[in-house]
Amino acid sequence: MRVLVTGVRGQLGHDVVLHLREAGRECRGVDQEDFDLTDAASVMACVREYRPTVIVHCAAYTAVDRAESDADLCCRVNGQGTGNLVKAALDVDAALVYVSTDYVFGGDGETPFETDAPKNPRNVYGMSKLQGEMAVTAQMEKYFVVRTSWVYGLNGKNFVRTMLRLGAERDEVSVVCDQIGSPTYSDDLALLLCRMIQTRKYGVYHATNEGFCSWAEFAEAIMEEGGLKCRVRPIPTSEYPTPASRPLNSRLSKESLDRAGFPRLPEWREALKAYIRCLNTENGKER
C-alpha cells in the first residue's frame, strides 16, 4: 500500500502521516507548495508521479467566516479541487478518503444526523464541502467520505489552544451555549482513517469523539483540564454574530461505524485529557 496524504501541514493530515509511518506504511504527505488543488494539471502530475494506492484528502479551505466573502476561492479549493483529485485518483485506480463536515447539514432539531439525512448547508464553507462530496460520490466507487466536526490537534491553531491562551490571560470568557456537537481529537480520527484504508468497506461515515456538548461546555472542560481559573460565561449565538451562520445542531450519528464494524472514537472528555497531556509534554511540563 502506498498512501498520498494531502494537507500534511494541517492538524489531521499531520496525524495521518504520523500514524502511517508508525505502522510502517509507505506514504507521502503533500501540501500547497507541492501542488495547487485548483490546477488540474498540477494535481494529475503529482498523483501520476507517486501512483498511490490510496489518497487521504485532508487539505481544504477551512476559514469558515472568511469564506463568506471569498466564496469563489473556497468553492474552487473544496469543490473543484476535490474534483481534480478525483480525476487523478481514477487515472491511477486509487481509492480516496474525503474528509467532510457536519456543516453539510442544516443544523435543525436535536436528533443526530444520519449519513443519508437531507443536506442543507447554512454557509459557503458547508456548501463547498458538499460540492466536494458530490464530486467523489458521483464518479467513484472506491471511496470513504468521512464527516467530522470541531477538530483540534497538535499541529496548528484550534479552539482548545485559543481557550487555554485566553484562560491564562483573562478572568472570564464568553462562549456560545446553544450550538451542540462533538469535539474531535485529530489523533483519534487519524487512527480511524488509517484503519479504514486497510479495508474495502467503502461508503459514507460519521466520525467524531463520543458524546455531545456545547461550545461553552467544551470551554469549561478545557479550563478544568488546563488547571485554569477563568470563568466561562455561556451566551446564545444571537449575542455572538459571525459572518458565517453556524448550525445549532451539529450532532452526528455514528451508527455508520457500527454497521461497518469500525470502532467508535473515545469519549470527548477523555480525548481532551489526552490532548492536553500531549500539549504539556510538548511544552516541557510534567504530565
Protein backbone atom coordinates (compact mmCIF):
# COMPACT_ATOMS: atom_id res chain seq x y z
CA MET A 1 0.00 0.00 0.00
CA ARG A 2 1.24 3.45 -0.96
CA VAL A 3 -0.65 6.40 0.56
CA LEU A 4 -0.70 10.02 -0.57
CA VAL A 5 -1.92 12.42 2.15
CA THR A 6 -2.96 15.96 1.22
CA GLY A 7 -2.89 18.77 3.77
CA VAL A 8 0.10 17.35 5.64
CA ARG A 9 0.77 20.71 7.29
CA GLY A 10 -2.70 20.76 8.82
CA GLN A 11 -3.86 19.08 12.00
CA LEU A 12 -5.42 15.93 10.56
CA GLY A 13 -3.04 15.39 7.64
CA HIS A 14 -0.09 15.68 10.00
CA ASP A 15 -1.51 13.00 12.30
CA VAL A 16 -2.46 10.65 9.45
CA VAL A 17 1.12 10.69 8.17
CA LEU A 18 2.48 10.05 11.69
CA HIS A 19 0.22 7.02 12.18
CA LEU A 20 1.03 5.62 8.75
CA ARG A 21 4.76 5.92 9.37
CA GLU A 22 4.44 4.38 12.82
CA ALA A 23 2.68 1.43 11.18
CA GLY A 24 5.45 1.09 8.62
CA ARG A 25 3.25 2.15 5.68
CA GLU A 26 4.74 3.83 2.64
CA CYS A 27 3.32 7.33 2.45
CA ARG A 28 3.93 10.84 1.18
CA GLY A 29 2.49 13.98 2.69
CA VAL A 30 1.88 16.94 0.37
CA ASP A 31 0.59 20.48 0.79
CA GLN A 32 0.11 23.73 -1.13
CA GLU A 33 3.76 24.03 -2.11
CA ASP A 34 3.62 20.61 -3.81
CA PHE A 35 0.58 21.28 -5.98
CA ASP A 36 -2.33 23.67 -6.32
CA LEU A 37 -5.59 21.76 -5.87
CA THR A 38 -7.32 24.13 -8.29
CA ASP A 39 -4.77 23.34 -11.02
CA ALA A 40 -5.91 20.06 -12.58
CA ALA A 41 -2.64 19.50 -14.45
CA SER A 42 -0.57 20.00 -11.30
CA VAL A 43 -2.73 17.57 -9.32
CA MET A 44 -2.61 14.95 -12.06
CA ALA A 45 1.18 15.23 -12.41
CA CYS A 46 1.74 14.74 -8.67
CA VAL A 47 -0.57 11.74 -8.45
CA ARG A 48 0.79 10.10 -11.59
CA GLU A 49 4.36 10.54 -10.36
CA TYR A 50 3.71 8.89 -6.97
CA ARG A 51 1.00 6.45 -8.12
CA PRO A 52 -0.64 5.91 -4.71
CA THR A 53 -2.91 3.02 -3.82
CA VAL A 54 -4.95 5.35 -1.58
CA ILE A 55 -5.28 9.12 -1.34
CA VAL A 56 -6.30 10.57 2.03
CA HIS A 57 -7.61 14.04 1.21
CA CYS A 58 -7.29 16.25 4.30
CA ALA A 59 -6.45 19.53 2.53
CA ALA A 60 -9.25 22.09 2.45
CA TYR A 61 -10.18 25.74 2.64
CA THR A 62 -11.33 25.88 6.28
CA ALA A 63 -11.65 29.61 7.10
CA VAL A 64 -15.41 29.44 7.66
CA ASP A 65 -16.07 33.14 8.20
CA ARG A 66 -13.67 34.38 5.53
CA ALA A 67 -15.33 32.05 3.02
CA GLU A 68 -18.47 34.20 3.10
CA SER A 69 -16.57 36.99 1.32
CA ASP A 70 -14.21 34.64 -0.54
CA ALA A 71 -16.75 32.16 -1.86
CA ASP A 72 -15.12 31.69 -5.26
CA LEU A 73 -11.77 30.52 -3.85
CA CYS A 74 -13.41 28.40 -1.16
CA CYS A 75 -15.54 26.55 -3.71
CA ARG A 76 -12.67 26.21 -6.17
CA VAL A 77 -10.49 24.57 -3.49
CA ASN A 78 -13.07 22.38 -1.77
CA GLY A 79 -15.31 21.64 -4.74
CA GLN A 80 -13.34 21.93 -7.97
CA GLY A 81 -10.08 20.97 -6.24
CA THR A 82 -11.59 17.76 -4.92
CA GLY A 83 -12.94 17.06 -8.39
CA ASN A 84 -9.41 17.39 -9.77
CA LEU A 85 -8.15 14.92 -7.19
CA VAL A 86 -10.98 12.50 -8.03
CA LYS A 87 -9.95 12.51 -11.71
CA ALA A 88 -6.34 11.88 -10.76
CA ALA A 89 -7.34 9.05 -8.38
CA LEU A 90 -9.38 7.41 -11.12
CA ASP A 91 -6.45 7.75 -13.52
CA VAL A 92 -4.18 5.63 -11.28
CA ASP A 93 -7.00 3.46 -9.85
CA ALA A 94 -6.52 4.76 -6.30
CA ALA A 95 -9.12 4.73 -3.53
CA LEU A 96 -9.93 8.10 -1.99
CA VAL A 97 -10.72 9.26 1.53
CA TYR A 98 -12.54 12.61 1.55
CA VAL A 99 -12.81 14.34 4.92
CA SER A 100 -16.04 16.33 5.13
CA THR A 101 -18.02 18.19 7.77
CA ASP A 102 -21.22 18.39 9.78
CA TYR A 103 -21.77 21.74 8.07
CA VAL A 104 -23.27 19.98 5.03
CA PHE A 105 -26.42 19.66 7.15
CA GLY A 106 -28.77 22.48 8.06
CA GLY A 107 -28.45 22.01 11.80
CA ASP A 108 -32.15 21.90 12.67
CA GLY A 109 -33.66 19.86 15.50
CA GLU A 110 -31.82 17.93 18.21
CA THR A 111 -31.54 14.47 16.65
CA PRO A 112 -28.11 13.27 15.49
CA PHE A 113 -27.86 13.34 11.70
CA GLU A 114 -27.58 10.01 9.89
CA THR A 115 -25.26 9.78 6.90
CA ASP A 116 -28.15 9.94 4.41
CA ALA A 117 -30.02 12.84 6.05
CA PRO A 118 -31.05 15.71 3.70
CA LYS A 119 -28.26 18.24 3.04
CA ASN A 120 -28.88 21.94 3.54
CA PRO A 121 -25.64 23.87 4.20
CA ARG A 122 -26.09 27.16 6.01
CA ASN A 123 -22.82 28.75 4.87
CA VAL A 124 -20.38 28.86 1.95
CA TYR A 125 -17.91 26.51 3.63
CA GLY A 126 -20.57 23.84 4.12
CA MET A 127 -21.75 24.26 0.53
CA SER A 128 -18.20 23.91 -0.79
CA LYS A 129 -17.59 20.73 1.20
CA LEU A 130 -20.86 19.30 -0.11
CA GLN A 131 -19.65 20.06 -3.64
CA GLY A 132 -16.54 18.03 -2.82
CA GLU A 133 -18.65 15.13 -1.53
CA MET A 134 -20.71 15.14 -4.71
CA ALA A 135 -17.58 15.10 -6.88
CA VAL A 136 -16.43 11.97 -5.04
CA THR A 137 -19.66 10.01 -4.80
CA ALA A 138 -20.83 10.75 -8.35
CA GLN A 139 -17.67 9.49 -10.03
CA MET A 140 -16.00 6.95 -7.76
CA GLU A 141 -16.71 3.51 -6.34
CA LYS A 142 -13.65 3.15 -4.11
CA TYR A 143 -14.16 5.99 -1.65
CA PHE A 144 -14.64 6.83 2.02
CA VAL A 145 -16.46 10.08 2.77
CA VAL A 146 -15.90 10.78 6.46
CA ARG A 147 -17.79 13.68 8.04
CA THR A 148 -16.45 15.05 11.30
CA SER A 149 -16.76 18.17 13.47
CA TRP A 150 -14.95 20.57 15.82
CA VAL A 151 -11.48 19.19 15.06
CA TYR A 152 -8.44 20.07 17.16
CA GLY A 153 -4.89 18.68 17.13
CA LEU A 154 -1.25 19.36 17.88
CA ASN A 155 -0.27 20.78 14.51
CA GLY A 156 -2.00 24.14 14.24
CA LYS A 157 -4.40 26.64 15.74
CA ASN A 158 -7.70 25.45 17.21
CA PHE A 159 -10.38 26.17 19.80
CA VAL A 160 -8.56 24.35 22.61
CA ARG A 161 -5.35 26.31 22.16
CA THR A 162 -7.35 29.55 21.97
CA MET A 163 -9.24 28.80 25.18
CA LEU A 164 -6.04 27.85 27.02
CA ARG A 165 -4.45 31.12 25.93
CA LEU A 166 -7.47 33.24 26.84
CA GLY A 167 -7.89 31.35 30.10
CA ALA A 168 -4.36 32.31 31.11
CA GLU A 169 -4.95 35.97 30.18
CA ARG A 170 -8.49 36.64 31.41
CA ASP A 171 -10.80 36.09 34.35
CA GLU A 172 -13.81 35.40 32.09
CA VAL A 173 -14.60 34.42 28.51
CA SER A 174 -17.97 34.34 26.75
CA VAL A 175 -18.72 31.23 24.68
CA VAL A 176 -21.88 30.20 22.83
CA CYS A 177 -24.01 27.64 24.62
CA ASP A 178 -26.71 26.75 22.07
CA GLN A 179 -24.56 25.11 19.37
CA ILE A 180 -24.33 21.41 20.22
CA GLY A 181 -21.91 18.91 18.69
CA SER A 182 -18.87 16.74 19.33
CA PRO A 183 -15.25 17.85 19.64
CA THR A 184 -12.87 15.61 17.67
CA TYR A 185 -9.21 15.00 18.51
CA SER A 186 -7.37 14.71 15.19
CA ASP A 187 -5.11 11.96 16.53
CA ASP A 188 -8.13 9.72 17.20
CA LEU A 189 -9.68 10.48 13.81
CA ALA A 190 -6.39 9.88 12.01
CA LEU A 191 -6.07 6.43 13.57
CA LEU A 192 -9.56 5.54 12.37
CA LEU A 193 -8.80 6.71 8.81
CA CYS A 194 -5.65 4.60 8.79
CA ARG A 195 -7.75 1.59 9.79
CA MET A 196 -10.39 2.31 7.17
CA ILE A 197 -7.95 2.35 4.26
CA GLN A 198 -6.82 -1.16 5.11
CA THR A 199 -10.34 -2.35 4.22
CA ARG A 200 -12.69 -2.12 1.27
CA LYS A 201 -15.65 -1.05 3.37
CA TYR A 202 -16.29 1.94 1.15
CA GLY A 203 -19.08 4.41 1.83
CA VAL A 204 -20.11 7.48 3.83
CA TYR A 205 -19.31 7.66 7.55
CA HIS A 206 -19.60 9.97 10.52
CA ALA A 207 -16.68 10.03 12.94
CA THR A 208 -16.26 12.25 16.00
CA ASN A 209 -15.30 11.62 19.59
CA GLU A 210 -18.22 10.16 21.55
CA GLY A 211 -20.73 12.31 23.39
CA PHE A 212 -22.18 15.76 22.80
CA CYS A 213 -21.61 19.16 24.40
CA SER A 214 -21.99 22.85 23.68
CA TRP A 215 -19.04 25.07 22.85
CA ALA A 216 -19.43 26.61 26.33
CA GLU A 217 -19.33 23.19 27.99
CA PHE A 218 -16.29 22.32 25.91
CA ALA A 219 -14.61 25.55 27.02
CA GLU A 220 -15.39 24.80 30.69
CA ALA A 221 -13.80 21.38 30.32
CA ILE A 222 -10.72 22.94 28.71
CA MET A 223 -10.33 25.34 31.64
CA GLU A 224 -10.68 22.49 34.12
CA GLU A 225 -8.26 20.16 32.38
CA GLY A 226 -5.83 23.04 31.86
CA GLY A 227 -5.94 23.97 35.55
CA LEU A 228 -7.19 27.48 34.78
CA LYS A 229 -9.47 29.59 36.97
CA CYS A 230 -11.06 31.50 34.10
CA ARG A 231 -14.87 31.55 34.22
CA VAL A 232 -16.85 30.64 31.10
CA ARG A 233 -19.96 32.77 30.58
CA PRO A 234 -22.49 30.91 28.39
CA ILE A 235 -24.16 33.12 25.77
CA PRO A 236 -26.62 32.41 22.93
CA THR A 237 -25.46 32.52 19.33
CA SER A 238 -27.51 35.70 18.88
CA GLU A 239 -25.04 37.51 21.16
CA TYR A 240 -22.03 36.39 19.11
CA PRO A 241 -22.76 37.25 15.45
CA THR A 242 -20.32 35.95 12.84
CA PRO A 243 -20.17 36.38 9.04
CA ALA A 244 -20.99 32.68 8.55
CA SER A 245 -24.12 31.16 10.06
CA ARG A 246 -23.37 28.15 12.28
CA PRO A 247 -25.76 25.22 12.79
CA LEU A 248 -27.22 24.85 16.28
CA ASN A 249 -27.37 21.06 15.89
CA SER A 250 -24.05 19.53 14.84
CA ARG A 251 -24.77 16.11 16.34
CA LEU A 252 -23.69 13.25 14.06
CA SER A 253 -24.90 9.66 14.40
CA LYS A 254 -22.06 7.11 14.47
CA GLU A 255 -24.20 4.11 13.54
CA SER A 256 -22.42 4.00 10.18
CA LEU A 257 -19.25 3.00 12.02
CA ASP A 258 -21.11 0.32 13.96
CA ARG A 259 -22.63 -1.21 10.83
CA ALA A 260 -19.21 -1.48 9.18
CA GLY A 261 -17.52 -2.86 12.28
CA PHE A 262 -15.23 0.15 12.80
CA PRO A 263 -14.51 1.21 16.39
CA ARG A 264 -16.03 4.44 17.66
CA LEU A 265 -13.64 7.13 18.84
CA PRO A 266 -13.02 7.68 22.58
CA GLU A 267 -15.34 9.87 24.66
CA TRP A 268 -14.67 13.56 24.02
CA ARG A 269 -13.61 14.45 27.57
CA GLU A 270 -11.07 11.61 27.66
CA ALA A 271 -9.75 12.73 24.27
CA LEU A 272 -9.36 16.28 25.60
CA LYS A 273 -7.37 14.99 28.59
CA ALA A 274 -5.06 13.06 26.26
CA TYR A 275 -4.57 16.13 24.08
CA ILE A 276 -3.69 18.40 26.99
CA ARG A 277 -1.23 15.81 28.29
CA CYS A 278 0.43 15.91 24.87
CA LEU A 279 0.47 19.72 24.93
CA ASN A 280 2.06 19.72 28.37
CA THR A 281 4.72 17.28 27.21
CA GLU A 282 5.32 19.39 24.11
CA ASN A 283 5.78 22.46 26.32
CA GLY A 284 8.19 20.68 28.66
CA LYS A 285 5.77 20.30 31.57
CA GLU A 286 5.22 17.17 33.55
CA ARG A 287 2.25 15.01 32.67
